[in-house]
Amino acid sequence: MGFLDFFSSDIAIDLGTANTLIIHKGKIVVDEPSIIAIDRNNGKVIAIGKEAMMMHEKTHDNIKTIRPLRDGVIADFHAAEQMIRGMIKMIDMGKRLLAPSHRMVICIPSGITEVEKRAVRDSAEHAGAKEVYMIHEPLAAAIGIGIDIEKPMGSMIVDIGGGTTEIAVIALSGIVCDQSVRTAGDVFNRDILDYMRRQHNLLIGERSAEQIKIQVGSALPELENPPQDYEVRGRDLMTGIPKVVKVTYSEIAYCLDKSVSKIEEAVLKALEVSPPELSADIYTNGIHLTGGGALLRGLDKRIYIKTKLPIHIAEDPLRAVVRGTGIALNKINEFRGILMT
């Protein structure tokens, strides 16, 4: 460790709509839900991450929980800044007299606007960053799953996060063509919420919808290894009394059908506009799925049926983007061409 390391530290952040992950010294040191709980009376932060998620939708008038990111971009600037600052404090920096200034690499959606970019940069700077670099999520995901992006070889990445689905064809360290659709994990949760209300007269919250998606979520109505039926607890809309309803994976596949179709259409659109030589590479290499949405049962099979291309699910899809961001941070000079300042 050099003398100057006491005054600075390098951090890679995957600032996601659903989860925020931070890499420090090559290790994932923070993996928390992107949520913050604030006292309404004095504006103080009560909890961040998992603790705040436990409070979500269970608060009284004096406490409010905020998810600072919506659709992959910062919706609440002040809350985002406090959340980033709080999560950086979770990193064990060792004993230091002065708070270190940070060099950060943050990943952003490929369909982001200049105003949204500035919001990310400003939040990071207010949270103590001296240098801020940004990298597009599909590029970070490609680096994270071990693709050599510098080669003249086309690769297709489909990164399904909480707020956005990023689809990109990558070659020669750049995005040749991309599609960014705001249909992803959060939309799946809303679909499940609406379905339970319509079909079972059961009112549930966001957290319960997320659990249903994890336990019995499916993109196909028929699976080879089906999950067991899941018991959902909520409030009966007719009587107002809490009740339990059992749901099957086939029901959830039915209610997610339209949203999954939108992702399929975006994949086809990206394939349509990709140059013919890169299409030949994609035919050979297939499509790589990353992000939490890649864990949806049967999604790979469904995209295969639509495209007839080989589909590869990343080894650890939830962490592919942050791993790539961490690699870009370690080899900052090598990847300077794809990092935005």
Protein backbone atom coordinates (compact mmCIF):
# COMPACT_ATOMS: atom_id res chain seq x y z
CA MET A 1 0.00 0.00 0.00
CA GLY A 2 1.44 3.35 -1.04
CA PHE A 3 1.36 6.51 1.07
CA LEU A 4 -1.23 8.13 -1.22
CA ASP A 5 -3.59 5.16 -0.77
CA PHE A 6 -4.46 6.54 2.67
CA PHE A 7 -6.01 9.59 1.02
CA SER A 8 -7.82 7.92 -1.87
CA SER A 9 -9.65 4.71 -2.70
CA ASP A 10 -11.02 3.15 -5.88
CA ILE A 11 -14.64 2.01 -5.93
CA ALA A 12 -16.73 0.36 -8.66
CA ILE A 13 -20.50 0.82 -8.30
CA ASP A 14 -23.39 -0.91 -10.03
CA LEU A 15 -26.12 1.60 -9.17
CA GLY A 16 -29.18 -0.49 -9.95
CA THR A 17 -32.90 0.19 -9.68
CA ALA A 18 -33.38 -2.87 -7.44
CA ASN A 19 -29.91 -3.49 -5.97
CA THR A 20 -26.67 -1.55 -5.54
CA LEU A 21 -23.38 -3.44 -5.54
CA ILE A 22 -19.96 -2.01 -4.72
CA ILE A 23 -16.52 -3.47 -5.42
CA HIS A 24 -13.53 -2.32 -3.36
CA LYS A 25 -10.04 -3.87 -3.70
CA GLY A 26 -11.37 -6.51 -6.11
CA LYS A 27 -14.08 -7.80 -3.75
CA ILE A 28 -17.83 -7.24 -3.67
CA VAL A 29 -18.14 -5.50 -0.30
CA VAL A 30 -21.70 -4.13 -0.56
CA ASP A 31 -24.73 -5.92 -2.04
CA GLU A 32 -27.85 -4.15 -0.80
CA PRO A 33 -31.33 -3.24 -2.09
CA SER A 34 -31.44 0.32 -3.53
CA ILE A 35 -33.72 1.77 -0.88
CA ILE A 36 -33.44 4.28 1.95
CA ALA A 37 -35.63 5.03 5.00
CA ILE A 38 -35.87 8.66 6.13
CA ASP A 39 -37.40 10.38 9.19
CA ARG A 40 -39.99 12.84 7.82
CA ASN A 41 -39.60 15.20 10.80
CA ASN A 42 -35.88 15.96 10.56
CA GLY A 43 -34.85 14.40 7.22
CA LYS A 44 -32.32 12.07 8.90
CA VAL A 45 -31.48 8.70 7.36
CA ILE A 46 -32.81 5.87 9.55
CA ALA A 47 -31.78 2.86 7.46
CA ILE A 48 -30.23 1.93 4.11
CA GLY A 49 -30.35 -1.26 2.05
CA LYS A 50 -31.64 -4.48 3.67
CA GLU A 51 -32.76 -2.72 6.87
CA ALA A 52 -34.76 -0.15 4.88
CA MET A 53 -36.24 -2.95 2.73
CA MET A 54 -37.56 -4.64 5.91
CA MET A 55 -39.42 -1.37 6.66
CA HIS A 56 -40.73 -0.88 3.10
CA GLU A 57 -44.55 -0.68 2.98
CA LYS A 58 -44.71 -1.14 6.77
CA THR A 59 -44.01 2.43 7.88
CA HIS A 60 -46.04 4.95 9.90
CA ASP A 61 -46.44 8.68 9.13
CA ASN A 62 -43.06 9.72 10.57
CA ILE A 63 -40.99 7.37 8.39
CA LYS A 64 -40.90 7.15 4.60
CA THR A 65 -39.01 4.68 2.45
CA ILE A 66 -37.66 5.91 -0.89
CA ARG A 67 -36.34 3.99 -3.87
CA PRO A 68 -34.14 6.73 -5.41
CA LEU A 69 -33.86 5.02 -8.82
CA ARG A 70 -36.68 4.41 -11.25
CA ASP A 71 -36.27 2.79 -14.67
CA GLY A 72 -32.48 2.65 -14.25
CA VAL A 73 -32.04 6.38 -13.62
CA ILE A 74 -32.02 8.65 -10.57
CA ALA A 75 -35.54 9.86 -9.77
CA ASP A 76 -34.80 11.37 -6.34
CA PHE A 77 -31.48 13.22 -6.43
CA HIS A 78 -31.19 13.95 -2.67
CA ALA A 79 -32.11 10.38 -1.60
CA ALA A 80 -29.70 8.88 -4.17
CA GLU A 81 -26.83 10.97 -2.81
CA GLN A 82 -27.59 9.93 0.78
CA MET A 83 -27.90 6.28 -0.25
CA ILE A 84 -24.55 6.27 -2.10
CA ARG A 85 -22.87 7.99 0.84
CA GLY A 86 -24.38 5.50 3.31
CA MET A 87 -23.35 2.49 1.24
CA ILE A 88 -19.78 3.80 0.88
CA LYS A 89 -19.68 4.03 4.70
CA MET A 90 -20.48 0.29 4.81
CA ILE A 91 -17.08 -0.40 3.21
CA ASP A 92 -14.40 -1.19 5.78
CA MET A 93 -11.64 1.24 4.82
CA GLY A 94 -9.51 0.46 7.89
CA LYS A 95 -8.50 3.12 10.38
CA ARG A 96 -7.89 6.49 8.72
CA LEU A 97 -7.54 9.96 10.17
CA LEU A 98 -9.09 11.67 7.16
CA ALA A 99 -12.05 10.52 5.08
CA PRO A 100 -10.53 9.35 1.76
CA SER A 101 -11.57 10.86 -1.56
CA HIS A 102 -12.80 8.25 -4.01
CA ARG A 103 -12.24 7.46 -7.64
CA MET A 104 -15.46 5.85 -8.84
CA VAL A 105 -16.56 3.91 -11.90
CA ILE A 106 -20.37 3.77 -12.10
CA CYS A 107 -22.36 1.87 -14.71
CA ILE A 108 -25.29 3.53 -16.47
CA PRO A 109 -28.00 2.33 -18.91
CA SER A 110 -27.13 2.69 -22.61
CA GLY A 111 -30.34 4.65 -23.32
CA ILE A 112 -29.56 7.34 -20.73
CA THR A 113 -29.90 11.07 -21.53
CA GLU A 114 -27.27 13.75 -20.84
CA VAL A 115 -29.38 15.17 -17.99
CA GLU A 116 -29.64 11.72 -16.37
CA LYS A 117 -25.87 11.26 -16.78
CA ARG A 118 -25.26 14.55 -15.00
CA ALA A 119 -27.53 13.44 -12.13
CA VAL A 120 -25.41 10.30 -11.64
CA ARG A 121 -22.15 12.30 -11.75
CA ASP A 122 -23.42 14.98 -9.36
CA SER A 123 -24.73 12.41 -6.86
CA ALA A 124 -21.36 10.63 -6.86
CA GLU A 125 -19.42 13.88 -6.45
CA HIS A 126 -21.64 14.99 -3.55
CA ALA A 127 -21.03 11.58 -1.94
CA GLY A 128 -17.26 12.22 -1.91
CA ALA A 129 -15.91 11.25 -5.34
CA LYS A 130 -12.97 13.23 -6.73
CA GLU A 131 -13.04 11.45 -10.11
CA VAL A 132 -16.15 9.89 -11.64
CA TYR A 133 -16.10 7.61 -14.67
CA MET A 134 -19.17 6.04 -16.23
CA ILE A 135 -19.50 2.87 -18.28
CA HIS A 136 -22.52 1.55 -20.21
CA GLU A 137 -24.14 -1.47 -18.54
CA PRO A 138 -23.98 -3.86 -21.56
CA LEU A 139 -20.21 -3.19 -21.91
CA ALA A 140 -19.68 -3.79 -18.19
CA ALA A 141 -21.76 -7.00 -18.38
CA ALA A 142 -19.72 -8.25 -21.37
CA ILE A 143 -16.42 -7.59 -19.53
CA GLY A 144 -17.87 -9.21 -16.39
CA ILE A 145 -18.72 -12.51 -18.13
CA GLY A 146 -15.27 -12.73 -19.70
CA ILE A 147 -15.90 -11.54 -23.29
CA ASP A 148 -12.90 -9.86 -24.92
CA ILE A 149 -14.70 -6.75 -26.15
CA GLU A 150 -11.64 -5.39 -28.01
CA LYS A 151 -11.72 -8.07 -30.70
CA PRO A 152 -13.48 -7.55 -34.05
CA MET A 153 -15.98 -10.20 -33.02
CA GLY A 154 -19.66 -9.45 -32.40
CA SER A 155 -21.30 -10.35 -29.09
CA MET A 156 -24.89 -9.77 -28.05
CA ILE A 157 -25.70 -8.96 -24.43
CA VAL A 158 -29.21 -8.88 -22.96
CA ASP A 159 -29.01 -7.37 -19.46
CA ILE A 160 -32.38 -7.57 -17.66
CA GLY A 161 -32.21 -5.47 -14.51
CA GLY A 162 -34.80 -4.03 -12.16
CA GLY A 163 -35.70 -0.92 -14.16
CA THR A 164 -34.44 -1.46 -17.71
CA THR A 165 -33.54 -4.22 -20.15
CA GLU A 166 -30.36 -3.31 -22.02
CA ILE A 167 -29.74 -5.09 -25.32
CA ALA A 168 -26.51 -4.37 -27.17
CA VAL A 169 -24.35 -5.74 -29.95
CA ILE A 170 -20.72 -5.16 -28.98
CA ALA A 171 -17.53 -5.25 -31.07
CA LEU A 172 -14.16 -3.43 -31.03
CA SER A 173 -14.71 -1.96 -27.52
CA GLY A 174 -17.95 -0.24 -28.47
CA ILE A 175 -21.70 -0.63 -28.81
CA VAL A 176 -22.60 -1.05 -32.48
CA CYS A 177 -26.37 -1.03 -31.97
CA ASP A 178 -28.52 -1.14 -28.89
CA GLN A 179 -32.06 -1.22 -27.58
CA SER A 180 -33.06 -0.03 -24.12
CA VAL A 181 -36.57 -0.87 -22.95
CA ARG A 182 -38.08 0.07 -19.63
CA THR A 183 -39.57 -3.39 -19.17
CA ALA A 184 -37.72 -5.39 -16.53
CA GLY A 185 -37.98 -6.75 -12.97
CA ASP A 186 -40.11 -3.89 -11.59
CA VAL A 187 -42.64 -4.25 -14.42
CA PHE A 188 -42.82 -8.01 -13.72
CA ASN A 189 -43.63 -7.19 -10.08
CA ARG A 190 -46.39 -4.77 -11.13
CA ASP A 191 -47.84 -7.42 -13.48
CA ILE A 192 -47.99 -9.93 -10.61
CA LEU A 193 -49.55 -7.32 -8.30
CA ASP A 194 -52.30 -6.50 -10.84
CA TYR A 195 -52.93 -10.19 -11.59
CA MET A 196 -53.40 -11.07 -7.90
CA ARG A 197 -55.86 -8.17 -7.55
CA ARG A 198 -57.84 -9.07 -10.69
CA GLN A 199 -57.79 -12.84 -10.49
CA HIS A 200 -57.79 -13.57 -6.75
CA ASN A 201 -59.21 -10.31 -5.25
CA LEU A 202 -56.05 -10.23 -3.17
CA LEU A 203 -54.18 -7.02 -2.37
CA ILE A 204 -50.43 -7.56 -1.96
CA GLY A 205 -47.40 -5.28 -1.72
CA GLU A 206 -44.25 -4.90 -3.81
CA ARG A 207 -42.21 -7.16 -1.55
CA SER A 208 -44.74 -10.01 -1.80
CA ALA A 209 -44.84 -9.63 -5.61
CA GLU A 210 -41.02 -9.85 -5.67
CA GLN A 211 -41.16 -13.05 -3.57
CA ILE A 212 -43.75 -14.61 -5.92
CA LYS A 213 -41.47 -13.78 -8.88
CA ILE A 214 -38.47 -15.41 -7.17
CA GLN A 215 -40.34 -18.52 -5.95
CA VAL A 216 -42.64 -19.35 -8.90
CA GLY A 217 -41.78 -16.79 -11.62
CA SER A 218 -41.70 -18.31 -15.09
CA ALA A 219 -41.65 -17.21 -18.73
CA LEU A 220 -43.16 -20.49 -19.96
CA PRO A 221 -46.46 -22.12 -18.88
CA GLU A 222 -44.82 -25.57 -18.99
CA LEU A 223 -41.45 -26.31 -17.42
CA GLU A 224 -39.42 -29.52 -17.13
CA ASN A 225 -38.61 -28.92 -13.43
CA PRO A 226 -41.57 -26.92 -12.14
CA PRO A 227 -41.35 -25.15 -8.77
CA GLN A 228 -43.88 -26.00 -6.05
CA ASP A 229 -47.01 -23.88 -5.65
CA TYR A 230 -46.46 -20.81 -3.50
CA GLU A 231 -48.68 -19.51 -0.71
CA VAL A 232 -49.36 -15.76 -0.97
CA ARG A 233 -50.62 -13.80 2.01
CA GLY A 234 -52.49 -10.55 1.51
CA ARG A 235 -55.74 -8.69 2.13
CA ASP A 236 -59.02 -9.88 0.66
CA LEU A 237 -60.52 -7.00 -1.34
CA MET A 238 -64.09 -8.19 -0.73
CA THR A 239 -63.99 -8.69 3.06
CA GLY A 240 -60.89 -6.69 4.05
CA ILE A 241 -59.65 -9.70 6.06
CA PRO A 242 -56.13 -11.17 5.53
CA LYS A 243 -56.18 -14.46 3.60
CA VAL A 244 -53.89 -16.97 1.87
CA VAL A 245 -53.99 -17.94 -1.81
CA LYS A 246 -51.91 -20.61 -3.57
CA VAL A 247 -50.43 -19.66 -6.95
CA THR A 248 -48.81 -21.87 -9.58
CA TYR A 249 -45.92 -21.04 -11.92
CA SER A 250 -48.28 -21.41 -14.93
CA GLU A 251 -50.45 -18.55 -13.61
CA ILE A 252 -47.41 -16.32 -13.22
CA ALA A 253 -46.19 -17.25 -16.73
CA TYR A 254 -49.59 -16.15 -18.04
CA CYS A 255 -49.48 -12.78 -16.24
CA LEU A 256 -45.87 -12.04 -17.29
CA ASP A 257 -46.48 -13.00 -20.93
CA LYS A 258 -46.96 -9.47 -22.34
CA SER A 259 -43.90 -8.03 -20.61
CA VAL A 260 -41.67 -10.93 -21.70
CA SER A 261 -42.97 -10.41 -25.27
CA LYS A 262 -41.76 -6.79 -25.15
CA ILE A 263 -38.25 -7.99 -24.26
CA GLU A 264 -38.40 -10.53 -27.12
CA GLU A 265 -39.42 -7.78 -29.56
CA ALA A 266 -36.53 -5.59 -28.44
CA VAL A 267 -34.10 -8.49 -28.96
CA LEU A 268 -35.46 -9.02 -32.49
CA LYS A 269 -35.22 -5.29 -33.22
CA ALA A 270 -31.56 -5.21 -32.13
CA LEU A 271 -30.85 -8.25 -34.34
CA GLU A 272 -32.61 -6.55 -37.29
CA VAL A 273 -30.42 -3.44 -37.18
CA SER A 274 -27.08 -5.18 -36.54
CA PRO A 275 -24.62 -5.26 -39.49
CA PRO A 276 -24.60 -8.55 -41.44
CA GLU A 277 -21.02 -9.49 -40.51
CA LEU A 278 -21.83 -9.10 -36.82
CA SER A 279 -25.03 -11.11 -37.33
CA ALA A 280 -22.82 -13.96 -38.53
CA ASP A 281 -20.78 -13.72 -35.29
CA ILE A 282 -23.94 -13.70 -33.15
CA TYR A 283 -25.17 -16.80 -35.00
CA THR A 284 -21.98 -18.56 -33.87
CA ASN A 285 -21.60 -17.06 -30.37
CA GLY A 286 -25.25 -16.79 -29.39
CA ILE A 287 -26.90 -14.35 -26.98
CA HIS A 288 -25.66 -13.80 -23.42
CA LEU A 289 -28.24 -13.13 -20.69
CA THR A 290 -27.21 -11.19 -17.58
CA GLY A 291 -28.97 -9.32 -14.75
CA GLY A 292 -31.53 -10.60 -12.25
CA GLY A 293 -34.15 -11.11 -14.96
CA ALA A 294 -31.97 -13.81 -16.53
CA LEU A 295 -32.94 -16.02 -13.55
CA LEU A 296 -36.60 -16.09 -14.63
CA ARG A 297 -37.38 -19.75 -15.32
CA GLY A 298 -37.75 -20.64 -18.99
CA LEU A 299 -36.72 -17.22 -20.30
CA ASP A 300 -33.67 -18.62 -22.14
CA LYS A 301 -35.84 -21.29 -23.80
CA ARG A 302 -38.44 -18.71 -24.80
CA ILE A 303 -35.87 -16.41 -26.44
CA TYR A 304 -34.36 -19.47 -28.15
CA ILE A 305 -37.78 -20.41 -29.61
CA LYS A 306 -38.12 -16.84 -30.95
CA THR A 307 -34.59 -16.38 -32.36
CA LYS A 308 -33.31 -19.96 -32.94
CA LEU A 309 -29.94 -18.75 -31.56
CA PRO A 310 -27.93 -20.35 -28.74
CA ILE A 311 -28.72 -18.64 -25.40
CA HIS A 312 -26.14 -18.52 -22.59
CA ILE A 313 -27.08 -17.48 -19.06
CA ALA A 314 -24.13 -15.87 -17.22
CA GLU A 315 -22.68 -17.86 -14.31
CA ASP A 316 -23.65 -15.26 -11.70
CA PRO A 317 -26.02 -12.98 -13.68
CA LEU A 318 -26.80 -10.64 -10.77
CA ARG A 319 -23.13 -9.71 -10.34
CA ALA A 320 -21.91 -9.72 -13.96
CA VAL A 321 -22.28 -5.93 -14.37
CA VAL A 322 -20.49 -5.00 -11.15
CA ARG A 323 -17.68 -7.48 -11.89
CA GLY A 324 -17.15 -5.86 -15.28
CA THR A 325 -17.21 -2.41 -13.68
CA GLY A 326 -14.56 -3.62 -11.20
CA ILE A 327 -12.33 -4.93 -14.01
CA ALA A 328 -12.68 -1.60 -15.87
CA LEU A 329 -11.64 0.18 -12.66
CA ASN A 330 -8.54 -2.00 -12.22
CA LYS A 331 -7.48 -1.53 -15.86
CA ILE A 332 -8.59 2.08 -16.10
CA ASN A 333 -5.91 3.04 -18.65
CA GLU A 334 -6.68 0.05 -20.86
CA PHE A 335 -10.43 0.80 -20.86
CA ARG A 336 -10.17 4.60 -20.97
CA GLY A 337 -11.73 4.58 -24.46
CA ILE A 338 -15.04 3.22 -23.18
CA LEU A 339 -15.17 5.16 -19.90
CA MET A 340 -17.04 8.45 -19.93
CA THR A 341 -15.94 11.28 -17.65
